[in-house]
Amino acid sequence: MGAAIGADQRIPFGTSTNVFSVTQAVLKVFYPEVFGKERYLLFSAEQPVDSETWGQFTRVDFTIKRFSWDMSWGVAIDGNTGKEIPPPENTTFLKGQAWMWPHGDLRQLYFEGELAHSKENKAIEKIVESHPEWSDERAGRALTEAGAVYGPANKDGFTRSLRLPELEKSLGLTILSADNSKGVDATTMPSIEFEGWTNSEHDGSFTGFVWTVRMDAGLVGGRARKYAFDFEPFEGKLIGIFQLPRD
């Protein structure tokens, strides 16, 4: 994970209704490599026509690419073969969606693409799904063999990569303790756990191989919200933020 931003640049989870500002702040913490390289952001936004706040988009779809969508290239010919040289690929580094509640809280934000290791995640999911006879341990070995640095057995390594004190300070959030990490069914949920693994019946598809970190956000006006941060296991990159149901 990239270096966390300073406390004076704290992410505006509870103080901003601007979905662009929240998305940019999250990118600066978890994907700093997209900045400073003249990448291009392409986006589209949508919301109900009857919305009272046209200046505050509640959903944005975004793509970060190598070139602008209207970049044009002249025809280049290979001097040896006489064949036309195709233009460079307009690589998609990241894409995703961000939702805000009308009153301003971040509802959901997710990333996919090259930097989020989406291709690797989908490939290993298909492999494991094709072997229903595998135990969790065997599936874990397959994940590690596929190149994942943070498999289910490497919780310590994943936790260290988060640099939790710095992460909490940068985001303005606090990792949930056992006392306040209960779900809507009153079941205590670990603050950091590996999810999306095989089930005992080996039936159905997987939602993905992810590490989930549950955190608590103190918002303006004394309000509080809980969020789940999902990280992929290959490099520990953030792939989603979801607001958890209220207790």
Protein backbone atom coordinates (compact mmCIF):
# COMPACT_ATOMS: atom_id res chain seq x y z
CA MET A 1 0.00 0.00 0.00
CA GLY A 2 1.24 3.51 -0.75
CA ALA A 3 2.15 6.00 1.94
CA ALA A 4 -0.87 7.32 3.78
CA ILE A 5 -1.67 11.01 3.54
CA GLY A 6 -1.23 13.36 6.48
CA ALA A 7 -3.88 14.13 9.06
CA ASP A 8 -4.34 17.63 7.64
CA GLN A 9 -5.50 15.98 4.39
CA ARG A 10 -7.92 13.66 6.14
CA ILE A 11 -10.43 11.98 3.88
CA PRO A 12 -13.81 13.79 4.02
CA PHE A 13 -16.01 10.82 4.88
CA GLY A 14 -18.30 12.91 7.06
CA THR A 15 -17.69 16.45 5.86
CA SER A 16 -18.13 16.28 2.09
CA THR A 17 -21.07 15.60 -0.19
CA ASN A 18 -18.75 15.72 -3.19
CA VAL A 19 -18.29 12.23 -4.60
CA PHE A 20 -15.32 13.40 -6.70
CA SER A 21 -13.44 14.70 -3.64
CA VAL A 22 -13.99 11.48 -1.70
CA THR A 23 -12.88 9.31 -4.64
CA GLN A 24 -9.76 11.41 -5.22
CA ALA A 25 -8.83 11.28 -1.53
CA VAL A 26 -9.18 7.49 -1.45
CA LEU A 27 -7.07 7.17 -4.60
CA LYS A 28 -4.31 9.30 -3.08
CA VAL A 29 -4.09 6.94 -0.10
CA PHE A 30 -4.38 3.58 -1.83
CA TYR A 31 -3.35 4.23 -5.46
CA PRO A 32 -0.77 7.05 -5.35
CA GLU A 33 0.88 5.58 -8.45
CA VAL A 34 -1.86 6.97 -10.73
CA PHE A 35 -0.82 10.54 -9.91
CA GLY A 36 2.07 12.53 -11.39
CA LYS A 37 2.16 10.54 -14.66
CA GLU A 38 -0.28 12.53 -16.78
CA ARG A 39 -2.96 9.87 -16.61
CA TYR A 40 -6.49 10.75 -17.72
CA LEU A 41 -9.72 10.43 -15.76
CA LEU A 42 -12.86 9.67 -17.76
CA PHE A 43 -16.16 9.74 -15.89
CA SER A 44 -19.91 9.72 -16.22
CA ALA A 45 -22.45 10.63 -13.58
CA GLU A 46 -26.10 9.86 -13.02
CA GLN A 47 -28.87 10.69 -10.57
CA PRO A 48 -32.66 11.11 -10.60
CA VAL A 49 -33.93 14.10 -12.58
CA ASP A 50 -36.09 15.04 -9.60
CA SER A 51 -33.08 15.31 -7.30
CA GLU A 52 -33.07 18.55 -5.33
CA THR A 53 -29.27 18.73 -5.44
CA TRP A 54 -28.20 18.73 -9.08
CA GLY A 55 -24.80 20.09 -8.08
CA GLN A 56 -24.07 17.08 -5.87
CA PHE A 57 -23.80 13.87 -7.87
CA THR A 58 -24.68 10.75 -5.91
CA ARG A 59 -23.11 8.26 -8.32
CA VAL A 60 -20.03 8.49 -10.53
CA ASP A 61 -18.54 5.87 -12.88
CA PHE A 62 -14.85 6.52 -13.53
CA THR A 63 -11.97 5.15 -15.59
CA ILE A 64 -8.30 6.05 -15.32
CA LYS A 65 -6.52 5.53 -18.64
CA ARG A 66 -3.17 6.18 -20.23
CA PHE A 67 -4.49 8.67 -22.78
CA SER A 68 -7.47 10.96 -23.22
CA TRP A 69 -10.45 9.44 -25.06
CA ASP A 70 -9.98 11.84 -27.99
CA MET A 71 -6.24 11.29 -28.41
CA SER A 72 -5.43 10.92 -32.11
CA TRP A 73 -2.39 9.38 -33.77
CA GLY A 74 -0.85 9.88 -37.17
CA VAL A 75 -0.19 6.89 -39.42
CA ALA A 76 3.24 5.36 -38.74
CA ILE A 77 4.86 2.85 -41.10
CA ASP A 78 7.50 0.27 -40.20
CA GLY A 79 10.50 1.03 -42.44
CA ASN A 80 11.51 -2.66 -42.61
CA THR A 81 8.17 -4.33 -43.24
CA GLY A 82 6.19 -1.48 -44.78
CA LYS A 83 3.32 -2.32 -42.48
CA GLU A 84 1.37 0.21 -40.46
CA ILE A 85 2.46 0.47 -36.83
CA PRO A 86 -0.57 0.36 -34.54
CA PRO A 87 -0.89 3.16 -31.95
CA PRO A 88 0.03 2.36 -28.32
CA GLU A 89 -2.66 0.71 -26.27
CA ASN A 90 -4.79 3.04 -24.19
CA THR A 91 -4.34 0.99 -21.03
CA THR A 92 -7.07 1.06 -18.41
CA PHE A 93 -5.30 1.18 -15.06
CA LEU A 94 -8.40 1.45 -12.88
CA LYS A 95 -12.13 1.79 -13.20
CA GLY A 96 -14.95 1.74 -10.74
CA GLN A 97 -17.99 3.40 -9.25
CA ALA A 98 -18.65 5.61 -6.27
CA TRP A 99 -21.98 6.24 -4.55
CA MET A 100 -22.89 8.82 -1.96
CA TRP A 101 -26.06 9.00 0.09
CA PRO A 102 -28.06 12.17 -0.70
CA HIS A 103 -27.12 13.57 2.74
CA GLY A 104 -23.44 13.12 2.01
CA ASP A 105 -22.11 9.87 3.53
CA LEU A 106 -20.08 7.59 1.30
CA ARG A 107 -22.23 4.56 0.54
CA GLN A 108 -19.96 2.44 -1.65
CA LEU A 109 -16.79 2.73 -3.70
CA TYR A 110 -15.07 0.00 -5.67
CA PHE A 111 -12.08 -0.41 -7.97
CA GLU A 112 -11.15 -2.93 -10.64
CA GLY A 113 -8.58 -3.15 -13.38
CA GLU A 114 -4.88 -3.75 -13.92
CA LEU A 115 -3.67 -2.09 -10.70
CA ALA A 116 -6.35 -3.87 -8.67
CA HIS A 117 -5.25 -7.28 -10.00
CA SER A 118 -8.74 -8.03 -11.30
CA LYS A 119 -7.50 -10.48 -13.94
CA GLU A 120 -5.51 -12.49 -11.39
CA ASN A 121 -8.43 -12.58 -8.97
CA LYS A 122 -10.88 -13.82 -11.58
CA ALA A 123 -8.43 -16.46 -12.79
CA ILE A 124 -7.83 -17.98 -9.35
CA GLU A 125 -11.54 -17.92 -8.53
CA LYS A 126 -12.25 -19.99 -11.66
CA ILE A 127 -9.49 -22.45 -10.76
CA VAL A 128 -10.78 -23.01 -7.24
CA GLU A 129 -14.39 -23.22 -8.37
CA SER A 130 -13.37 -25.94 -10.83
CA HIS A 131 -12.05 -28.06 -7.93
CA PRO A 132 -14.95 -28.52 -5.48
CA GLU A 133 -13.04 -31.42 -3.94
CA TRP A 134 -10.34 -29.07 -2.63
CA SER A 135 -10.14 -28.26 1.05
CA ASP A 136 -9.69 -24.68 2.21
CA GLU A 137 -6.02 -25.45 2.84
CA ARG A 138 -5.50 -26.77 -0.69
CA ALA A 139 -7.30 -23.79 -2.20
CA GLY A 140 -5.09 -21.51 -0.12
CA ARG A 141 -1.98 -23.13 -1.56
CA ALA A 142 -3.36 -22.58 -5.07
CA LEU A 143 -3.84 -18.91 -4.29
CA THR A 144 -0.25 -18.61 -3.07
CA GLU A 145 1.06 -20.57 -6.05
CA ALA A 146 -0.77 -18.11 -8.31
CA GLY A 147 1.33 -15.31 -6.87
CA ALA A 148 -0.79 -13.93 -4.04
CA VAL A 149 1.39 -12.34 -1.35
CA TYR A 150 -1.40 -12.18 1.23
CA GLY A 151 -3.13 -15.53 1.30
CA PRO A 152 -5.38 -16.58 4.20
CA ALA A 153 -2.39 -17.85 6.19
CA ASN A 154 -0.56 -14.51 6.02
CA LYS A 155 -2.76 -12.34 8.22
CA ASP A 156 0.28 -10.93 10.06
CA GLY A 157 1.90 -9.86 6.82
CA PHE A 158 -1.29 -8.27 5.54
CA THR A 159 -1.89 -6.43 8.82
CA ARG A 160 1.66 -5.08 8.81
CA SER A 161 1.22 -3.85 5.24
CA LEU A 162 -1.73 -1.73 6.33
CA ARG A 163 0.32 0.28 8.83
CA LEU A 164 -2.85 0.65 10.86
CA PRO A 165 -1.93 3.66 13.07
CA GLU A 166 -0.97 5.70 10.01
CA LEU A 167 -3.97 4.43 8.06
CA GLU A 168 -6.41 5.34 10.82
CA LYS A 169 -4.92 8.81 11.15
CA SER A 170 -5.02 9.44 7.41
CA LEU A 171 -8.58 8.26 6.91
CA GLY A 172 -10.00 9.72 10.09
CA LEU A 173 -11.32 6.25 10.95
CA THR A 174 -10.74 3.75 13.73
CA ILE A 175 -10.49 0.00 13.33
CA LEU A 176 -13.40 -1.68 15.07
CA SER A 177 -12.77 -3.39 18.37
CA ALA A 178 -14.48 -6.60 19.44
CA ASP A 179 -16.94 -4.50 21.46
CA ASN A 180 -18.36 -2.64 18.47
CA SER A 181 -17.89 -5.03 15.56
CA LYS A 182 -21.16 -6.92 15.82
CA GLY A 183 -23.27 -7.42 12.74
CA VAL A 184 -27.00 -6.81 12.42
CA ASP A 185 -27.57 -10.34 13.72
CA ALA A 186 -25.47 -9.56 16.82
CA THR A 187 -22.70 -11.87 15.60
CA THR A 188 -19.25 -10.55 16.39
CA MET A 189 -17.23 -10.02 13.20
CA PRO A 190 -13.43 -9.94 13.29
CA SER A 191 -11.99 -6.53 12.50
CA ILE A 192 -9.58 -8.11 10.00
CA GLU A 193 -10.45 -11.39 8.28
CA PHE A 194 -10.02 -13.28 5.04
CA GLU A 195 -13.35 -13.80 3.29
CA GLY A 196 -14.82 -15.38 0.17
CA TRP A 197 -13.47 -18.83 0.87
CA THR A 198 -14.91 -22.26 0.11
CA ASN A 199 -18.05 -23.31 1.95
CA SER A 200 -18.60 -26.69 3.55
CA GLU A 201 -21.07 -27.78 0.84
CA HIS A 202 -18.77 -26.62 -1.99
CA ASP A 203 -21.86 -25.29 -3.70
CA GLY A 204 -22.38 -22.05 -5.57
CA SER A 205 -19.96 -19.41 -6.75
CA PHE A 206 -17.53 -17.26 -4.82
CA THR A 207 -17.89 -13.56 -4.12
CA GLY A 208 -14.13 -13.09 -4.36
CA PHE A 209 -11.00 -13.68 -2.36
CA VAL A 210 -10.59 -10.64 -0.15
CA TRP A 211 -9.24 -9.37 3.12
CA THR A 212 -11.86 -7.28 4.91
CA VAL A 213 -10.98 -4.55 7.39
CA ARG A 214 -13.88 -3.08 9.35
CA MET A 215 -13.54 0.51 10.54
CA ASP A 216 -15.60 3.10 12.39
CA ALA A 217 -16.04 6.67 11.12
CA GLY A 218 -16.94 9.56 13.36
CA LEU A 219 -18.96 12.01 11.27
CA VAL A 220 -20.12 15.56 11.74
CA GLY A 221 -22.85 16.21 14.28
CA GLY A 222 -21.75 13.32 16.47
CA ARG A 223 -22.97 10.70 13.98
CA ALA A 224 -21.01 7.52 13.33
CA ARG A 225 -20.86 5.00 10.50
CA LYS A 226 -19.11 1.68 10.05
CA TYR A 227 -17.29 0.73 6.86
CA ALA A 228 -15.82 -2.46 5.44
CA PHE A 229 -12.65 -2.04 3.35
CA ASP A 230 -11.95 -4.95 0.98
CA PHE A 231 -8.40 -5.69 -0.23
CA GLU A 232 -7.32 -8.18 -2.91
CA PRO A 233 -4.76 -10.80 -1.83
CA PHE A 234 -2.17 -10.50 -4.62
CA GLU A 235 -0.68 -7.18 -3.58
CA GLY A 236 -3.07 -6.02 -0.89
CA LYS A 237 -4.66 -3.28 -3.03
CA LEU A 238 -7.98 -1.75 -2.02
CA ILE A 239 -10.87 -2.95 -4.20
CA GLY A 240 -13.91 -1.75 -2.31
CA ILE A 241 -15.39 0.32 0.52
CA PHE A 242 -18.90 -0.44 1.76
CA GLN A 243 -20.95 1.25 4.43
CA LEU A 244 -22.16 -1.40 6.88
CA PRO A 245 -25.76 -1.57 8.13
CA ARG A 246 -26.49 0.32 11.31
CA ASP A 247 -26.80 -1.72 14.49
